[in-house]
Amino acid sequence: MRRIFLCSVIMTFCLATPAFSQFVVTDPALTQLSQITWAKELKQAYEQFKVLDNSRNILTESLDLYRKVSGLIQNSKMVLNVLKLQGEMLKISATECSRTDIYTQEGYNAYTKVLNDIMEESITSFDLLRTIISPDLKMTDGERLKIIIDLDAKLRAQQDKLLDERARFNTVNDAIKRIAALKSDKS
């Protein structure tokens, strides 16, 4: 009797509980568009990663060569400055390429393209530095220092360009945020 009563209570409870469901709606066009957008973003992220990875590899190789070069070049503050500038630029680019506070994807895509161009220029400069500080290259320390001083000036200009682009993007991005906030307040 107890079992029958318990079964009837359970059945009553199960049948009395309302069931909710929802139809599954699919939109093939939207699905296709989402897949295309995702593929473009994945390709862009891969390209950004490739530039940053190349910069990191060149920096590592240059540090290894730096350890092998003559004492005068090794103690030169210019070489240290060039290495430091490249590291700072790499850090800024990595941070900027992984931002999530963007309001327009098109503007951010253009911005990261400029960052990639700047980093590719710095990679070229770094390749030259790597060649210059190589102990196999037949140059005097004075000739090496002259080229290193030129590289330092070039990297400083590239870093300034990188910082200017970041400031420009931040200004535009902040303005778009404010406009969106004003539009949502009026609604």
N, C-alpha and C. Protein backbone atom coordinates (compact mmCIF):
# COMPACT_ATOMS: atom_id res chain seq x y z
N MET A 1 0.82 -1.18 0.00
CA MET A 1 0.00 0.00 0.00
C MET A 1 0.88 1.26 0.00
N ARG A 2 1.90 1.18 0.79
CA ARG A 2 2.82 2.30 0.86
C ARG A 2 3.46 2.56 -0.50
N ARG A 3 3.82 1.51 -1.21
CA ARG A 3 4.45 1.66 -2.51
C ARG A 3 3.48 2.28 -3.52
N ILE A 4 2.27 1.86 -3.48
CA ILE A 4 1.27 2.38 -4.40
C ILE A 4 1.06 3.86 -4.13
N PHE A 5 0.95 4.22 -2.87
CA PHE A 5 0.77 5.62 -2.51
C PHE A 5 1.97 6.45 -2.95
N LEU A 6 3.19 5.95 -2.70
CA LEU A 6 4.40 6.67 -3.08
C LEU A 6 4.50 6.81 -4.60
N CYS A 7 4.17 5.77 -5.32
CA CYS A 7 4.19 5.83 -6.79
C CYS A 7 3.16 6.81 -7.31
N SER A 8 1.99 6.83 -6.71
CA SER A 8 0.95 7.75 -7.17
C SER A 8 1.32 9.20 -6.88
N VAL A 9 1.99 9.46 -5.75
CA VAL A 9 2.44 10.82 -5.43
C VAL A 9 3.51 11.27 -6.43
N ILE A 10 4.43 10.38 -6.73
CA ILE A 10 5.49 10.71 -7.68
C ILE A 10 4.90 10.95 -9.07
N MET A 11 3.97 10.12 -9.50
CA MET A 11 3.33 10.28 -10.81
C MET A 11 2.54 11.59 -10.87
N THR A 12 1.85 11.91 -9.80
CA THR A 12 1.08 13.15 -9.76
C THR A 12 2.01 14.35 -9.86
N PHE A 13 3.10 14.30 -9.15
CA PHE A 13 4.07 15.40 -9.17
C PHE A 13 4.68 15.56 -10.56
N CYS A 14 5.03 14.47 -11.19
CA CYS A 14 5.64 14.51 -12.53
C CYS A 14 4.64 15.04 -13.56
N LEU A 15 3.40 14.63 -13.46
CA LEU A 15 2.41 15.06 -14.44
C LEU A 15 1.94 16.48 -14.18
N ALA A 16 2.01 16.94 -12.96
CA ALA A 16 1.54 18.28 -12.63
C ALA A 16 2.59 19.34 -12.93
N THR A 17 3.83 18.97 -13.08
CA THR A 17 4.90 19.94 -13.36
C THR A 17 4.80 20.35 -14.83
N PRO A 18 4.70 21.67 -15.08
CA PRO A 18 4.59 22.11 -16.47
C PRO A 18 5.91 21.88 -17.22
N ALA A 19 5.79 21.53 -18.46
CA ALA A 19 6.98 21.30 -19.29
C ALA A 19 7.08 22.44 -20.30
N PHE A 20 8.27 22.96 -20.46
CA PHE A 20 8.51 24.05 -21.39
C PHE A 20 9.45 23.57 -22.47
N SER A 21 9.20 24.04 -23.65
CA SER A 21 10.12 23.70 -24.75
C SER A 21 10.18 24.87 -25.71
N GLN A 22 11.16 24.81 -26.57
CA GLN A 22 11.34 25.88 -27.54
C GLN A 22 11.74 25.26 -28.87
N PHE A 23 11.21 25.81 -29.93
CA PHE A 23 11.58 25.32 -31.25
C PHE A 23 13.00 25.77 -31.58
N VAL A 24 13.74 24.90 -32.22
CA VAL A 24 15.08 25.24 -32.67
C VAL A 24 14.95 25.90 -34.04
N VAL A 25 15.51 27.11 -34.14
CA VAL A 25 15.44 27.85 -35.39
C VAL A 25 16.86 27.99 -35.93
N THR A 26 17.04 27.67 -37.17
CA THR A 26 18.35 27.82 -37.78
C THR A 26 18.26 28.79 -38.94
N ASP A 27 19.32 29.54 -39.12
CA ASP A 27 19.40 30.49 -40.23
C ASP A 27 20.68 30.19 -40.98
N PRO A 28 20.60 29.50 -42.10
CA PRO A 28 21.81 29.10 -42.82
C PRO A 28 22.65 30.29 -43.27
N ALA A 29 22.02 31.38 -43.67
CA ALA A 29 22.78 32.55 -44.14
C ALA A 29 23.59 33.16 -42.99
N LEU A 30 22.95 33.29 -41.83
CA LEU A 30 23.65 33.85 -40.67
C LEU A 30 24.75 32.91 -40.20
N THR A 31 24.50 31.63 -40.25
CA THR A 31 25.52 30.65 -39.88
C THR A 31 26.73 30.76 -40.81
N GLN A 32 26.48 30.87 -42.11
CA GLN A 32 27.56 31.00 -43.09
C GLN A 32 28.34 32.29 -42.85
N LEU A 33 27.63 33.40 -42.60
CA LEU A 33 28.28 34.68 -42.35
C LEU A 33 29.13 34.61 -41.08
N SER A 34 28.62 33.98 -40.05
CA SER A 34 29.38 33.83 -38.80
C SER A 34 30.65 33.02 -39.03
N GLN A 35 30.55 31.96 -39.83
CA GLN A 35 31.72 31.14 -40.12
C GLN A 35 32.76 31.91 -40.91
N ILE A 36 32.32 32.72 -41.87
CA ILE A 36 33.26 33.53 -42.67
C ILE A 36 33.94 34.56 -41.79
N THR A 37 33.17 35.24 -40.95
CA THR A 37 33.74 36.24 -40.04
C THR A 37 34.73 35.59 -39.09
N TRP A 38 34.38 34.45 -38.55
CA TRP A 38 35.27 33.74 -37.64
C TRP A 38 36.55 33.35 -38.35
N ALA A 39 36.46 32.90 -39.59
CA ALA A 39 37.64 32.50 -40.35
C ALA A 39 38.56 33.69 -40.60
N LYS A 40 37.97 34.86 -40.92
CA LYS A 40 38.78 36.06 -41.14
C LYS A 40 39.48 36.47 -39.86
N GLU A 41 38.77 36.44 -38.73
CA GLU A 41 39.37 36.81 -37.46
C GLU A 41 40.47 35.83 -37.06
N LEU A 42 40.25 34.56 -37.33
CA LEU A 42 41.27 33.56 -37.04
C LEU A 42 42.52 33.78 -37.88
N LYS A 43 42.33 34.10 -39.16
CA LYS A 43 43.46 34.38 -40.05
C LYS A 43 44.23 35.60 -39.57
N GLN A 44 43.51 36.66 -39.18
CA GLN A 44 44.17 37.87 -38.68
C GLN A 44 44.93 37.58 -37.40
N ALA A 45 44.34 36.83 -36.50
CA ALA A 45 45.03 36.49 -35.25
C ALA A 45 46.28 35.68 -35.53
N TYR A 46 46.20 34.77 -36.49
CA TYR A 46 47.37 33.97 -36.86
C TYR A 46 48.49 34.85 -37.41
N GLU A 47 48.13 35.82 -38.26
CA GLU A 47 49.14 36.72 -38.82
C GLU A 47 49.78 37.56 -37.72
N GLN A 48 48.98 38.05 -36.77
CA GLN A 48 49.52 38.83 -35.66
C GLN A 48 50.44 37.97 -34.81
N PHE A 49 50.03 36.75 -34.56
CA PHE A 49 50.86 35.84 -33.77
C PHE A 49 52.18 35.58 -34.48
N LYS A 50 52.12 35.42 -35.82
CA LYS A 50 53.32 35.14 -36.60
C LYS A 50 54.32 36.29 -36.48
N VAL A 51 53.84 37.54 -36.58
CA VAL A 51 54.73 38.69 -36.46
C VAL A 51 55.34 38.76 -35.07
N LEU A 52 54.51 38.55 -34.05
CA LEU A 52 55.02 38.61 -32.68
C LEU A 52 56.00 37.46 -32.41
N ASP A 53 55.70 36.28 -32.94
CA ASP A 53 56.59 35.15 -32.76
C ASP A 53 57.93 35.38 -33.46
N ASN A 54 57.89 35.95 -34.68
CA ASN A 54 59.14 36.28 -35.38
C ASN A 54 59.96 37.28 -34.59
N SER A 55 59.29 38.29 -34.03
CA SER A 55 60.00 39.29 -33.22
C SER A 55 60.65 38.64 -32.02
N ARG A 56 59.93 37.75 -31.36
CA ARG A 56 60.48 37.08 -30.19
C ARG A 56 61.68 36.21 -30.57
N ASN A 57 61.57 35.49 -31.66
CA ASN A 57 62.69 34.63 -32.10
C ASN A 57 63.92 35.45 -32.45
N ILE A 58 63.72 36.56 -33.15
CA ILE A 58 64.85 37.41 -33.51
C ILE A 58 65.48 38.00 -32.26
N LEU A 59 64.67 38.40 -31.31
CA LEU A 59 65.19 38.95 -30.06
C LEU A 59 66.02 37.90 -29.32
N THR A 60 65.56 36.68 -29.26
CA THR A 60 66.29 35.60 -28.61
C THR A 60 67.62 35.34 -29.31
N GLU A 61 67.59 35.27 -30.64
CA GLU A 61 68.83 35.03 -31.39
C GLU A 61 69.81 36.18 -31.21
N SER A 62 69.29 37.40 -31.20
CA SER A 62 70.17 38.57 -31.04
C SER A 62 70.82 38.58 -29.67
N LEU A 63 70.08 38.18 -28.66
CA LEU A 63 70.67 38.11 -27.32
C LEU A 63 71.78 37.06 -27.27
N ASP A 64 71.58 35.94 -27.95
CA ASP A 64 72.62 34.91 -28.01
C ASP A 64 73.87 35.44 -28.71
N LEU A 65 73.68 36.15 -29.83
CA LEU A 65 74.83 36.74 -30.54
C LEU A 65 75.49 37.83 -29.70
N TYR A 66 74.68 38.59 -29.00
CA TYR A 66 75.19 39.67 -28.15
C TYR A 66 76.17 39.13 -27.11
N ARG A 67 75.89 37.97 -26.61
CA ARG A 67 76.76 37.37 -25.59
C ARG A 67 78.12 36.96 -26.18
N LYS A 68 78.21 36.79 -27.51
CA LYS A 68 79.44 36.32 -28.14
C LYS A 68 80.31 37.45 -28.70
N VAL A 69 79.78 38.65 -28.83
CA VAL A 69 80.49 39.73 -29.51
C VAL A 69 81.53 40.37 -28.57
N SER A 70 82.39 41.21 -29.12
CA SER A 70 83.49 41.80 -28.37
C SER A 70 83.00 42.63 -27.19
N GLY A 71 83.88 42.85 -26.25
CA GLY A 71 83.55 43.56 -25.02
C GLY A 71 83.09 44.99 -25.26
N LEU A 72 83.70 45.69 -26.24
CA LEU A 72 83.31 47.07 -26.51
C LEU A 72 81.86 47.15 -26.97
N ILE A 73 81.50 46.30 -27.91
CA ILE A 73 80.13 46.30 -28.41
C ILE A 73 79.17 45.79 -27.33
N GLN A 74 79.64 44.79 -26.59
CA GLN A 74 78.79 44.21 -25.55
C GLN A 74 78.47 45.23 -24.47
N ASN A 75 79.43 46.10 -24.15
CA ASN A 75 79.22 47.10 -23.10
C ASN A 75 78.58 48.37 -23.63
N SER A 76 78.35 48.45 -24.91
CA SER A 76 77.76 49.64 -25.50
C SER A 76 76.32 49.79 -25.04
N LYS A 77 76.01 50.98 -24.56
CA LYS A 77 74.64 51.24 -24.12
C LYS A 77 73.68 51.26 -25.30
N MET A 78 74.21 51.57 -26.47
CA MET A 78 73.35 51.59 -27.65
C MET A 78 72.80 50.21 -27.97
N VAL A 79 73.64 49.19 -27.87
CA VAL A 79 73.16 47.82 -28.13
C VAL A 79 72.10 47.45 -27.10
N LEU A 80 72.36 47.79 -25.86
CA LEU A 80 71.37 47.51 -24.82
C LEU A 80 70.08 48.27 -25.07
N ASN A 81 70.21 49.52 -25.52
CA ASN A 81 69.01 50.31 -25.82
C ASN A 81 68.22 49.71 -26.97
N VAL A 82 68.91 49.25 -28.00
CA VAL A 82 68.22 48.65 -29.14
C VAL A 82 67.48 47.39 -28.70
N LEU A 83 68.14 46.57 -27.90
CA LEU A 83 67.49 45.35 -27.40
C LEU A 83 66.30 45.70 -26.51
N LYS A 84 66.47 46.69 -25.67
CA LYS A 84 65.40 47.11 -24.77
C LYS A 84 64.22 47.68 -25.55
N LEU A 85 64.51 48.53 -26.55
CA LEU A 85 63.44 49.11 -27.37
C LEU A 85 62.64 48.02 -28.08
N GLN A 86 63.34 47.05 -28.63
CA GLN A 86 62.65 45.97 -29.33
C GLN A 86 61.76 45.20 -28.37
N GLY A 87 62.26 44.94 -27.17
CA GLY A 87 61.45 44.24 -26.16
C GLY A 87 60.22 45.03 -25.77
N GLU A 88 60.38 46.35 -25.59
CA GLU A 88 59.24 47.19 -25.23
C GLU A 88 58.21 47.23 -26.35
N MET A 89 58.68 47.35 -27.59
CA MET A 89 57.77 47.39 -28.72
C MET A 89 57.01 46.07 -28.85
N LEU A 90 57.70 44.98 -28.61
CA LEU A 90 57.08 43.66 -28.67
C LEU A 90 55.99 43.54 -27.60
N LYS A 91 56.28 44.03 -26.42
CA LYS A 91 55.31 43.96 -25.32
C LYS A 91 54.07 44.82 -25.63
N ILE A 92 54.30 46.03 -26.13
CA ILE A 92 53.18 46.91 -26.48
C ILE A 92 52.33 46.28 -27.57
N SER A 93 52.97 45.76 -28.60
CA SER A 93 52.23 45.14 -29.71
C SER A 93 51.42 43.94 -29.25
N ALA A 94 52.02 43.12 -28.39
CA ALA A 94 51.30 41.95 -27.89
C ALA A 94 50.06 42.37 -27.09
N THR A 95 50.21 43.40 -26.28
CA THR A 95 49.09 43.89 -25.49
C THR A 95 48.00 44.46 -26.39
N GLU A 96 48.41 45.26 -27.36
CA GLU A 96 47.44 45.89 -28.25
C GLU A 96 46.73 44.89 -29.16
N CYS A 97 47.42 43.84 -29.56
CA CYS A 97 46.81 42.84 -30.45
C CYS A 97 45.84 41.92 -29.72
N SER A 98 45.79 42.02 -28.41
CA SER A 98 44.87 41.16 -27.66
C SER A 98 43.84 41.98 -26.89
N ARG A 99 43.56 43.20 -27.34
CA ARG A 99 42.57 44.05 -26.67
C ARG A 99 41.16 43.52 -26.88
N THR A 100 40.34 43.74 -25.88
CA THR A 100 38.94 43.33 -25.98
C THR A 100 37.98 44.52 -25.86
N ASP A 101 38.49 45.70 -25.62
CA ASP A 101 37.65 46.88 -25.42
C ASP A 101 37.46 47.68 -26.70
N ILE A 102 37.24 47.00 -27.81
CA ILE A 102 37.09 47.69 -29.09
C ILE A 102 35.62 47.83 -29.43
N TYR A 103 35.30 48.90 -30.16
CA TYR A 103 33.91 49.13 -30.53
C TYR A 103 33.64 48.94 -32.00
N THR A 104 34.65 49.08 -32.84
CA THR A 104 34.44 48.80 -34.27
C THR A 104 35.53 47.84 -34.74
N GLN A 105 35.10 46.74 -35.28
CA GLN A 105 36.04 45.72 -35.73
C GLN A 105 36.87 46.22 -36.91
N GLU A 106 36.28 47.01 -37.80
CA GLU A 106 37.01 47.51 -38.96
C GLU A 106 38.16 48.42 -38.52
N GLY A 107 37.89 49.31 -37.58
CA GLY A 107 38.93 50.21 -37.07
C GLY A 107 40.03 49.43 -36.37
N TYR A 108 39.64 48.42 -35.62
CA TYR A 108 40.63 47.61 -34.92
C TYR A 108 41.48 46.80 -35.90
N ASN A 109 40.85 46.31 -36.96
CA ASN A 109 41.60 45.57 -37.98
C ASN A 109 42.64 46.47 -38.64
N ALA A 110 42.25 47.71 -38.97
CA ALA A 110 43.19 48.66 -39.57
C ALA A 110 44.32 48.98 -38.60
N TYR A 111 43.97 49.14 -37.34
CA TYR A 111 44.95 49.44 -36.30
C TYR A 111 45.96 48.31 -36.14
N THR A 112 45.49 47.07 -36.06
CA THR A 112 46.42 45.96 -35.90
C THR A 112 47.26 45.75 -37.15
N LYS A 113 46.74 46.11 -38.32
CA LYS A 113 47.55 46.04 -39.54
C LYS A 113 48.72 47.02 -39.46
N VAL A 114 48.45 48.23 -38.97
CA VAL A 114 49.52 49.22 -38.80
C VAL A 114 50.55 48.71 -37.79
N LEU A 115 50.06 48.11 -36.70
CA LEU A 115 50.98 47.56 -35.70
C LEU A 115 51.86 46.47 -36.31
N ASN A 116 51.25 45.60 -37.11
CA ASN A 116 52.02 44.54 -37.77
C ASN A 116 53.07 45.12 -38.72
N ASP A 117 52.71 46.17 -39.45
CA ASP A 117 53.67 46.81 -40.35
C ASP A 117 54.85 47.39 -39.57
N ILE A 118 54.55 48.04 -38.47
CA ILE A 118 55.62 48.62 -37.64
C ILE A 118 56.52 47.52 -37.10
N MET A 119 55.92 46.42 -36.63
CA MET A 119 56.73 45.33 -36.08
C MET A 119 57.55 44.64 -37.17
N GLU A 120 57.02 44.56 -38.39
CA GLU A 120 57.81 43.99 -39.48
C GLU A 120 59.01 44.88 -39.81
N GLU A 121 58.83 46.21 -39.74
CA GLU A 121 59.96 47.13 -39.92
C GLU A 121 61.00 46.92 -38.83
N SER A 122 60.53 46.75 -37.61
CA SER A 122 61.49 46.56 -36.51
C SER A 122 62.20 45.21 -36.63
N ILE A 123 61.52 44.22 -37.20
CA ILE A 123 62.17 42.92 -37.43
C ILE A 123 63.31 43.09 -38.42
N THR A 124 63.09 43.90 -39.46
CA THR A 124 64.15 44.17 -40.44
C THR A 124 65.33 44.84 -39.75
N SER A 125 65.05 45.82 -38.90
CA SER A 125 66.12 46.49 -38.16
C SER A 125 66.84 45.50 -37.26
N PHE A 126 66.08 44.61 -36.68
CA PHE A 126 66.68 43.64 -35.77
C PHE A 126 67.53 42.62 -36.51
N ASP A 127 67.11 42.26 -37.71
CA ASP A 127 67.95 41.38 -38.53
C ASP A 127 69.30 42.04 -38.81
N LEU A 128 69.26 43.34 -39.09
CA LEU A 128 70.51 44.06 -39.32
C LEU A 128 71.36 44.08 -38.06
N LEU A 129 70.74 44.32 -36.89
CA LEU A 129 71.49 44.31 -35.64
C LEU A 129 72.12 42.95 -35.40
N ARG A 130 71.36 41.92 -35.66
CA ARG A 130 71.89 40.56 -35.48
C ARG A 130 73.12 40.34 -36.36
N THR A 131 73.06 40.83 -37.58
CA THR A 131 74.21 40.70 -38.49
C THR A 131 75.39 41.52 -37.98
N ILE A 132 75.11 42.72 -37.50
CA ILE A 132 76.17 43.63 -37.05
C ILE A 132 76.91 43.07 -35.84
N ILE A 133 76.18 42.52 -34.90
CA ILE A 133 76.85 42.06 -33.68
C ILE A 133 77.39 40.64 -33.80
N SER A 134 77.23 40.06 -34.97
CA SER A 134 77.78 38.72 -35.19
C SER A 134 79.31 38.78 -35.16
N PRO A 135 79.94 37.91 -34.39
CA PRO A 135 81.41 37.93 -34.34
C PRO A 135 82.06 37.48 -35.65
N ASP A 136 81.30 36.87 -36.54
CA ASP A 136 81.83 36.41 -37.82
C ASP A 136 82.01 37.55 -38.82
N LEU A 137 81.28 38.65 -38.64
CA LEU A 137 81.35 39.77 -39.57
C LEU A 137 82.65 40.53 -39.38
N LYS A 138 83.34 40.79 -40.47
CA LYS A 138 84.63 41.49 -40.42
C LYS A 138 84.39 42.99 -40.46
N MET A 139 84.23 43.58 -39.29
CA MET A 139 84.05 45.03 -39.16
C MET A 139 84.80 45.49 -37.92
N THR A 140 85.15 46.75 -37.93
CA THR A 140 85.76 47.30 -36.72
C THR A 140 84.65 47.64 -35.75
N ASP A 141 85.02 47.80 -34.48
CA ASP A 141 84.02 48.15 -33.48
C ASP A 141 83.41 49.52 -33.76
N GLY A 142 84.19 50.43 -34.31
CA GLY A 142 83.68 51.76 -34.65
C GLY A 142 82.62 51.69 -35.74
N GLU A 143 82.85 50.87 -36.76
CA GLU A 143 81.86 50.71 -37.82
C GLU A 143 80.58 50.09 -37.28
N ARG A 144 80.75 49.13 -36.41
CA ARG A 144 79.58 48.50 -35.80
C ARG A 144 78.79 49.51 -34.97
N LEU A 145 79.50 50.29 -34.17
CA LEU A 145 78.82 51.28 -33.32
C LEU A 145 78.05 52.30 -34.15
N LYS A 146 78.62 52.74 -35.27
CA LYS A 146 77.93 53.71 -36.12
C LYS A 146 76.60 53.14 -36.62
N ILE A 147 76.62 51.91 -37.08
CA ILE A 147 75.39 51.27 -37.57
C ILE A 147 74.41 51.06 -36.42
N ILE A 148 74.93 50.69 -35.26
CA ILE A 148 74.06 50.48 -34.09
C ILE A 148 73.40 51.78 -33.66
N ILE A 149 74.13 52.89 -33.73
CA ILE A 149 73.55 54.20 -33.40
C ILE A 149 72.43 54.54 -34.38
N ASP A 150 72.64 54.26 -35.66
CA ASP A 150 71.58 54.49 -36.66
C ASP A 150 70.36 53.61 -36.38
N LEU A 151 70.62 52.37 -36.01
CA LEU A 151 69.52 51.45 -35.69
C LEU A 151 68.74 51.93 -34.46
N ASP A 152 69.47 52.45 -33.48
CA ASP A 152 68.83 52.96 -32.27
C ASP A 152 67.88 54.10 -32.63
N ALA A 153 68.35 55.01 -33.47
CA ALA A 153 67.51 56.14 -33.88
C ALA A 153 66.29 55.65 -34.66
N LYS A 154 66.51 54.68 -35.54
CA LYS A 154 65.40 54.14 -36.34
C LYS A 154 64.37 53.44 -35.45
N LEU A 155 64.84 52.65 -34.50
CA LEU A 155 63.90 51.96 -33.60
C LEU A 155 63.16 52.94 -32.70
N ARG A 156 63.83 54.00 -32.28
CA ARG A 156 63.13 55.03 -31.48
C ARG A 156 62.01 55.66 -32.30
N ALA A 157 62.27 55.93 -33.58
CA ALA A 157 61.24 56.49 -34.45
C ALA A 157 60.09 55.50 -34.62
N GLN A 158 60.40 54.21 -34.76
CA GLN A 158 59.36 53.20 -34.88
C GLN A 158 58.55 53.08 -33.59
N GLN A 159 59.23 53.19 -32.46
CA GLN A 159 58.52 53.13 -31.18
C GLN A 159 57.60 54.34 -31.03
N ASP A 160 58.09 55.52 -31.43
CA ASP A 160 57.25 56.71 -31.38
C ASP A 160 56.02 56.55 -32.27
N LYS A 161 56.22 55.97 -33.44
CA LYS A 161 55.11 55.73 -34.36
C LYS A 161 54.11 54.76 -33.74
N LEU A 162 54.62 53.72 -33.09
CA LEU A 162 53.77 52.74 -32.42
C LEU A 162 52.95 53.40 -31.32
N LEU A 163 53.59 54.23 -30.51
CA LEU A 163 52.89 54.92 -29.42
C LEU A 163 51.88 55.92 -29.96
N ASP A 164 52.23 56.62 -31.07
CA ASP A 164 51.28 57.55 -31.68
C ASP A 164 50.05 56.83 -32.21
N GLU A 165 50.27 55.69 -32.85
CA GLU A 165 49.14 54.90 -33.36
C GLU A 165 48.26 54.41 -32.22
N ARG A 166 48.89 53.99 -31.12
CA ARG A 166 48.10 53.54 -29.96
C ARG A 166 47.27 54.69 -29.40
N ALA A 167 47.88 55.87 -29.27
CA ALA A 167 47.15 57.04 -28.75
C ALA A 167 46.01 57.42 -29.69
N ARG A 168 46.25 57.37 -31.00
CA ARG A 168 45.22 57.70 -31.98
C ARG A 168 44.06 56.71 -31.89
N PHE A 169 44.38 55.43 -31.80
CA PHE A 169 43.32 54.42 -31.70
C PHE A 169 42.53 54.59 -30.40
N ASN A 170 43.23 54.84 -29.31
CA ASN A 170 42.55 55.02 -28.02
C ASN A 170 41.61 56.22 -28.07
N THR A 171 42.02 57.30 -28.71
CA THR A 171 41.18 58.49 -28.82
C THR A 171 39.91 58.18 -29.60
N VAL A 172 40.06 57.53 -30.74
CA VAL A 172 38.89 57.19 -31.57
C VAL A 172 38.00 56.18 -30.84
N ASN A 173 38.61 55.18 -30.25
CA ASN A 173 37.84 54.15 -29.55
C ASN A 173 37.06 54.75 -28.37
N ASP A 174 37.71 55.65 -27.62
CA ASP A 174 37.02 56.30 -26.50
C ASP A 174 35.88 57.19 -26.99
N ALA A 175 36.08 57.88 -28.11
CA ALA A 175 35.02 58.73 -28.66
C ALA A 175 33.82 57.87 -29.07
N ILE A 176 34.07 56.74 -29.68
CA ILE A 176 32.98 55.84 -30.08
C ILE A 176 32.25 55.31 -28.85
N LYS A 177 32.98 55.02 -27.79
CA LYS A 177 32.35 54.57 -26.53
C LYS A 177 31.40 55.65 -26.00
N ARG A 178 31.89 56.91 -26.00
CA ARG A 178 31.07 58.01 -25.48
C ARG A 178 29.82 58.21 -26.34
N ILE A 179 29.97 58.13 -27.65
CA ILE A 179 28.82 58.28 -28.54
C ILE A 179 27.81 57.17 -28.29
N ALA A 180 28.30 55.95 -28.14
CA ALA A 180 27.39 54.82 -27.88
C ALA A 180 26.69 55.00 -26.53
N ALA A 181 27.40 55.53 -25.53
CA ALA A 181 26.78 55.77 -24.23
C ALA A 181 25.72 56.86 -24.33
N LEU A 182 26.00 57.90 -25.10
CA LEU A 182 25.00 58.98 -25.26
C LEU A 182 23.76 58.47 -25.99
N LYS A 183 23.96 57.65 -27.01
CA LYS A 183 22.82 57.10 -27.74
C LYS A 183 21.98 56.19 -26.85
N SER A 184 22.64 55.41 -25.98
CA SER A 184 21.87 54.51 -25.11
C SER A 184 21.14 55.30 -24.03
N ASP A 185 21.70 56.46 -23.60
CA ASP A 185 21.01 57.29 -22.60
C ASP A 185 19.76 57.94 -23.19
N LYS A 186 19.79 58.31 -24.48
CA LYS A 186 18.64 58.94 -25.11
C LYS A 186 17.53 57.95 -25.39
N SER A 187 17.86 56.69 -25.49
CA SER A 187 16.85 55.66 -25.82
C SER A 187 15.97 55.33 -24.67
